[in-house]
């Protein structure tokens, strides 16, 4: 199976944009470093589901908590609080808002609790 075709199949089956995969050339070079690719064990689908849950649910919840606590700290006048979450020119608060607008839980009181959201 060609790497490009394999990536396309995985992308389709896993609902992952094909653009998120490295190029076939980069994958080929990576596999060369591993040696015999037959020794690479497949990743269990349960691990993929857990990662997907973390990315789609748990991380947006954590980002919202951090943004909320940052706002509380700013309101309390805690020095340096306004610098929290500020990256190199990127608006992290806008990313949190975008995540919640896309259907991510907006509160901590989500009925669905995963191990990551209990942290």
Foldseek 3Di string as FASTA:
>chain_A
DQPLVVLVVCCVVVVNPSVVDDDSVVVVVVVVVVPDPVPDDDDDVVVVVVVVCCVLELVLQVLLVLVVVLVVCVVVVPPPSVVPPDDDPDDSVVVSVVSVVVPYDNHLPDPDDDPSSVD
